[in-house]
Amino acid sequence: MATPDSINVAQLGRLVGTPDAPAIVDVRTDTEHAFDPRMLPASIRRDHRTVSSWAGEFVSRFVVVVCQRGQRLGQGVAA
């Protein structure tokens, strides 16, 4: 079950392509991305180490941060 600060696959699937769709930011490392280069539709890659330099792009939008397992990197960037 999703918490108020998370979203599950079904919820995200219903939002993609709508005016309420969140920005989807893929913060996987280069190694993780090379291992599996597939990305979610409409997602963009950003370096998790430079979040302070790009976070301002999303100041007025909902953002879903994705990483390899949905734990360490994604949660850290989302915080």
N, C-alpha and C. Protein backbone atom coordinates (compact mmCIF):
# COMPACT_ATOMS: atom_id res chain seq x y z
N MET A 1 0.84 -1.18 0.00
CA MET A 1 0.00 0.00 0.00
C MET A 1 0.89 1.24 0.00
N ALA A 2 0.51 2.23 -0.77
CA ALA A 2 1.28 3.47 -0.86
C ALA A 2 1.05 4.34 0.37
N THR A 3 2.08 5.00 0.81
CA THR A 3 1.96 5.98 1.88
C THR A 3 1.69 7.33 1.24
N PRO A 4 1.37 8.36 2.02
CA PRO A 4 1.10 9.67 1.42
C PRO A 4 2.26 10.20 0.58
N ASP A 5 3.48 9.74 0.87
CA ASP A 5 4.65 10.20 0.13
C ASP A 5 5.13 9.20 -0.90
N SER A 6 4.29 8.25 -1.27
CA SER A 6 4.66 7.27 -2.28
C SER A 6 3.48 7.02 -3.20
N ILE A 7 3.75 6.31 -4.27
CA ILE A 7 2.71 6.01 -5.25
C ILE A 7 2.98 4.60 -5.76
N ASN A 8 1.93 3.85 -6.01
CA ASN A 8 2.15 2.52 -6.55
C ASN A 8 2.03 2.54 -8.07
N VAL A 9 2.37 1.43 -8.69
CA VAL A 9 2.40 1.35 -10.15
C VAL A 9 1.03 1.65 -10.75
N ALA A 10 -0.02 1.10 -10.18
CA ALA A 10 -1.37 1.32 -10.72
C ALA A 10 -1.77 2.79 -10.65
N GLN A 11 -1.46 3.44 -9.53
CA GLN A 11 -1.79 4.86 -9.40
C GLN A 11 -1.03 5.70 -10.42
N LEU A 12 0.25 5.42 -10.58
CA LEU A 12 1.06 6.17 -11.55
C LEU A 12 0.55 5.92 -12.96
N GLY A 13 0.21 4.68 -13.26
CA GLY A 13 -0.30 4.34 -14.58
C GLY A 13 -1.56 5.12 -14.95
N ARG A 14 -2.41 5.37 -13.97
CA ARG A 14 -3.63 6.14 -14.23
C ARG A 14 -3.33 7.62 -14.48
N LEU A 15 -2.22 8.12 -13.97
CA LEU A 15 -1.89 9.54 -14.11
C LEU A 15 -1.08 9.87 -15.36
N VAL A 16 -0.26 8.92 -15.82
CA VAL A 16 0.59 9.19 -16.98
C VAL A 16 -0.27 9.59 -18.17
N GLY A 17 0.12 10.67 -18.82
CA GLY A 17 -0.60 11.16 -19.99
C GLY A 17 -1.75 12.08 -19.68
N THR A 18 -1.99 12.37 -18.41
CA THR A 18 -3.06 13.29 -18.04
C THR A 18 -2.45 14.63 -17.61
N PRO A 19 -3.28 15.68 -17.52
CA PRO A 19 -2.76 16.97 -17.05
C PRO A 19 -2.22 16.92 -15.63
N ASP A 20 -2.66 15.94 -14.84
CA ASP A 20 -2.20 15.81 -13.45
C ASP A 20 -0.98 14.90 -13.32
N ALA A 21 -0.41 14.47 -14.44
CA ALA A 21 0.72 13.54 -14.38
C ALA A 21 1.92 14.18 -13.69
N PRO A 22 2.56 13.43 -12.80
CA PRO A 22 3.76 13.96 -12.16
C PRO A 22 4.96 13.87 -13.10
N ALA A 23 5.98 14.64 -12.80
CA ALA A 23 7.26 14.46 -13.48
C ALA A 23 7.86 13.16 -12.94
N ILE A 24 8.41 12.35 -13.82
CA ILE A 24 9.03 11.09 -13.41
C ILE A 24 10.53 11.24 -13.61
N VAL A 25 11.27 11.18 -12.50
CA VAL A 25 12.71 11.40 -12.53
C VAL A 25 13.42 10.10 -12.17
N ASP A 26 14.21 9.60 -13.09
CA ASP A 26 14.98 8.36 -12.92
C ASP A 26 16.35 8.74 -12.37
N VAL A 27 16.66 8.31 -11.15
CA VAL A 27 17.93 8.65 -10.51
C VAL A 27 18.86 7.45 -10.36
N ARG A 28 18.65 6.43 -11.18
CA ARG A 28 19.55 5.28 -11.12
C ARG A 28 20.97 5.70 -11.48
N THR A 29 21.93 5.01 -10.92
CA THR A 29 23.32 5.30 -11.24
C THR A 29 23.60 4.89 -12.69
N ASP A 30 24.71 5.37 -13.25
CA ASP A 30 25.08 4.99 -14.61
C ASP A 30 25.24 3.48 -14.73
N THR A 31 25.79 2.84 -13.72
CA THR A 31 25.97 1.39 -13.72
C THR A 31 24.62 0.68 -13.76
N GLU A 32 23.69 1.13 -12.92
CA GLU A 32 22.35 0.53 -12.90
C GLU A 32 21.64 0.75 -14.23
N HIS A 33 21.78 1.93 -14.80
CA HIS A 33 21.13 2.23 -16.07
C HIS A 33 21.74 1.41 -17.20
N ALA A 34 23.05 1.22 -17.18
CA ALA A 34 23.71 0.40 -18.21
C ALA A 34 23.25 -1.05 -18.13
N PHE A 35 23.03 -1.55 -16.91
CA PHE A 35 22.55 -2.91 -16.72
C PHE A 35 21.15 -3.09 -17.28
N ASP A 36 20.29 -2.09 -17.10
CA ASP A 36 18.91 -2.13 -17.60
C ASP A 36 18.55 -0.73 -18.09
N PRO A 37 18.78 -0.44 -19.38
CA PRO A 37 18.57 0.92 -19.89
C PRO A 37 17.12 1.30 -20.16
N ARG A 38 16.19 0.39 -19.90
CA ARG A 38 14.78 0.74 -20.12
C ARG A 38 14.36 1.82 -19.13
N MET A 39 13.50 2.71 -19.62
CA MET A 39 13.01 3.79 -18.76
C MET A 39 11.49 3.86 -18.86
N LEU A 40 10.87 4.39 -17.83
CA LEU A 40 9.43 4.60 -17.86
C LEU A 40 9.10 5.66 -18.91
N PRO A 41 7.96 5.52 -19.60
CA PRO A 41 7.58 6.54 -20.57
C PRO A 41 7.52 7.92 -19.91
N ALA A 42 8.03 8.90 -20.60
CA ALA A 42 8.04 10.30 -20.18
C ALA A 42 9.00 10.59 -19.03
N SER A 43 9.78 9.61 -18.61
CA SER A 43 10.72 9.87 -17.52
C SER A 43 11.98 10.54 -18.05
N ILE A 44 12.67 11.22 -17.14
CA ILE A 44 13.93 11.86 -17.48
C ILE A 44 14.98 11.40 -16.49
N ARG A 45 16.21 11.31 -16.93
CA ARG A 45 17.31 10.90 -16.04
C ARG A 45 17.95 12.12 -15.42
N ARG A 46 18.25 12.01 -14.14
CA ARG A 46 18.99 13.04 -13.43
C ARG A 46 19.95 12.34 -12.47
N ASP A 47 21.07 12.97 -12.22
CA ASP A 47 22.08 12.43 -11.31
C ASP A 47 21.65 12.70 -9.87
N HIS A 48 21.53 11.65 -9.08
CA HIS A 48 21.09 11.81 -7.69
C HIS A 48 22.06 12.65 -6.88
N ARG A 49 23.32 12.69 -7.29
CA ARG A 49 24.33 13.44 -6.53
C ARG A 49 24.21 14.95 -6.72
N THR A 50 23.47 15.37 -7.75
CA THR A 50 23.35 16.81 -8.04
C THR A 50 21.92 17.31 -7.88
N VAL A 51 21.15 16.66 -7.03
CA VAL A 51 19.74 17.00 -6.87
C VAL A 51 19.54 18.49 -6.57
N SER A 52 20.42 19.09 -5.82
CA SER A 52 20.23 20.50 -5.47
C SER A 52 20.32 21.40 -6.69
N SER A 53 20.99 20.96 -7.75
CA SER A 53 21.10 21.79 -8.95
C SER A 53 19.91 21.66 -9.89
N TRP A 54 19.16 20.57 -9.81
CA TRP A 54 18.02 20.40 -10.72
C TRP A 54 16.66 20.35 -10.04
N ALA A 55 16.61 20.29 -8.75
CA ALA A 55 15.33 20.19 -8.04
C ALA A 55 14.42 21.38 -8.34
N GLY A 56 14.99 22.54 -8.55
CA GLY A 56 14.19 23.74 -8.83
C GLY A 56 13.35 23.64 -10.10
N GLU A 57 13.72 22.75 -11.01
CA GLU A 57 12.94 22.56 -12.24
C GLU A 57 11.53 22.05 -11.93
N PHE A 58 11.36 21.46 -10.76
CA PHE A 58 10.11 20.78 -10.43
C PHE A 58 9.38 21.42 -9.25
N VAL A 59 9.69 22.66 -8.96
CA VAL A 59 9.16 23.30 -7.76
C VAL A 59 7.63 23.37 -7.73
N SER A 60 6.99 23.46 -8.86
CA SER A 60 5.53 23.58 -8.86
C SER A 60 4.84 22.32 -9.40
N ARG A 61 5.53 21.19 -9.38
CA ARG A 61 4.97 19.94 -9.90
C ARG A 61 5.11 18.83 -8.88
N PHE A 62 4.22 17.85 -9.00
CA PHE A 62 4.41 16.61 -8.27
C PHE A 62 5.51 15.83 -8.99
N VAL A 63 6.33 15.14 -8.24
CA VAL A 63 7.44 14.40 -8.82
C VAL A 63 7.44 12.98 -8.27
N VAL A 64 7.65 12.02 -9.16
CA VAL A 64 7.87 10.64 -8.76
C VAL A 64 9.34 10.34 -9.07
N VAL A 65 10.08 9.95 -8.05
CA VAL A 65 11.49 9.62 -8.21
C VAL A 65 11.62 8.10 -8.26
N VAL A 66 12.27 7.60 -9.30
CA VAL A 66 12.45 6.16 -9.44
C VAL A 66 13.93 5.82 -9.43
N CYS A 67 14.22 4.65 -8.85
CA CYS A 67 15.59 4.15 -8.84
C CYS A 67 15.52 2.64 -9.05
N GLN A 68 16.62 1.96 -8.83
CA GLN A 68 16.68 0.52 -9.10
C GLN A 68 15.67 -0.28 -8.27
N ARG A 69 15.62 -0.04 -6.97
CA ARG A 69 14.75 -0.83 -6.09
C ARG A 69 13.72 0.01 -5.34
N GLY A 70 13.73 1.30 -5.51
CA GLY A 70 12.78 2.14 -4.80
C GLY A 70 13.15 2.38 -3.35
N GLN A 71 14.40 2.27 -3.05
CA GLN A 71 14.83 2.44 -1.66
C GLN A 71 15.86 3.54 -1.54
N ARG A 72 17.09 3.20 -1.43
CA ARG A 72 18.19 4.10 -1.07
C ARG A 72 18.21 5.40 -1.89
N LEU A 73 18.41 5.34 -3.18
CA LEU A 73 18.55 6.57 -3.97
C LEU A 73 17.24 7.32 -4.09
N GLY A 74 16.18 6.63 -4.48
CA GLY A 74 14.89 7.29 -4.68
C GLY A 74 14.37 7.97 -3.44
N GLN A 75 14.45 7.29 -2.32
CA GLN A 75 13.95 7.88 -1.07
C GLN A 75 14.82 9.05 -0.64
N GLY A 76 16.12 8.94 -0.84
CA GLY A 76 17.01 10.03 -0.46
C GLY A 76 16.78 11.27 -1.29
N VAL A 77 16.60 11.12 -2.58
CA VAL A 77 16.35 12.26 -3.46
C VAL A 77 14.99 12.86 -3.17
N ALA A 78 13.99 12.02 -2.98
CA ALA A 78 12.64 12.52 -2.71
C ALA A 78 12.57 13.31 -1.41
N ALA A 79 13.37 12.94 -0.44
CA ALA A 79 13.38 13.64 0.84
C ALA A 79 13.88 15.04 0.64
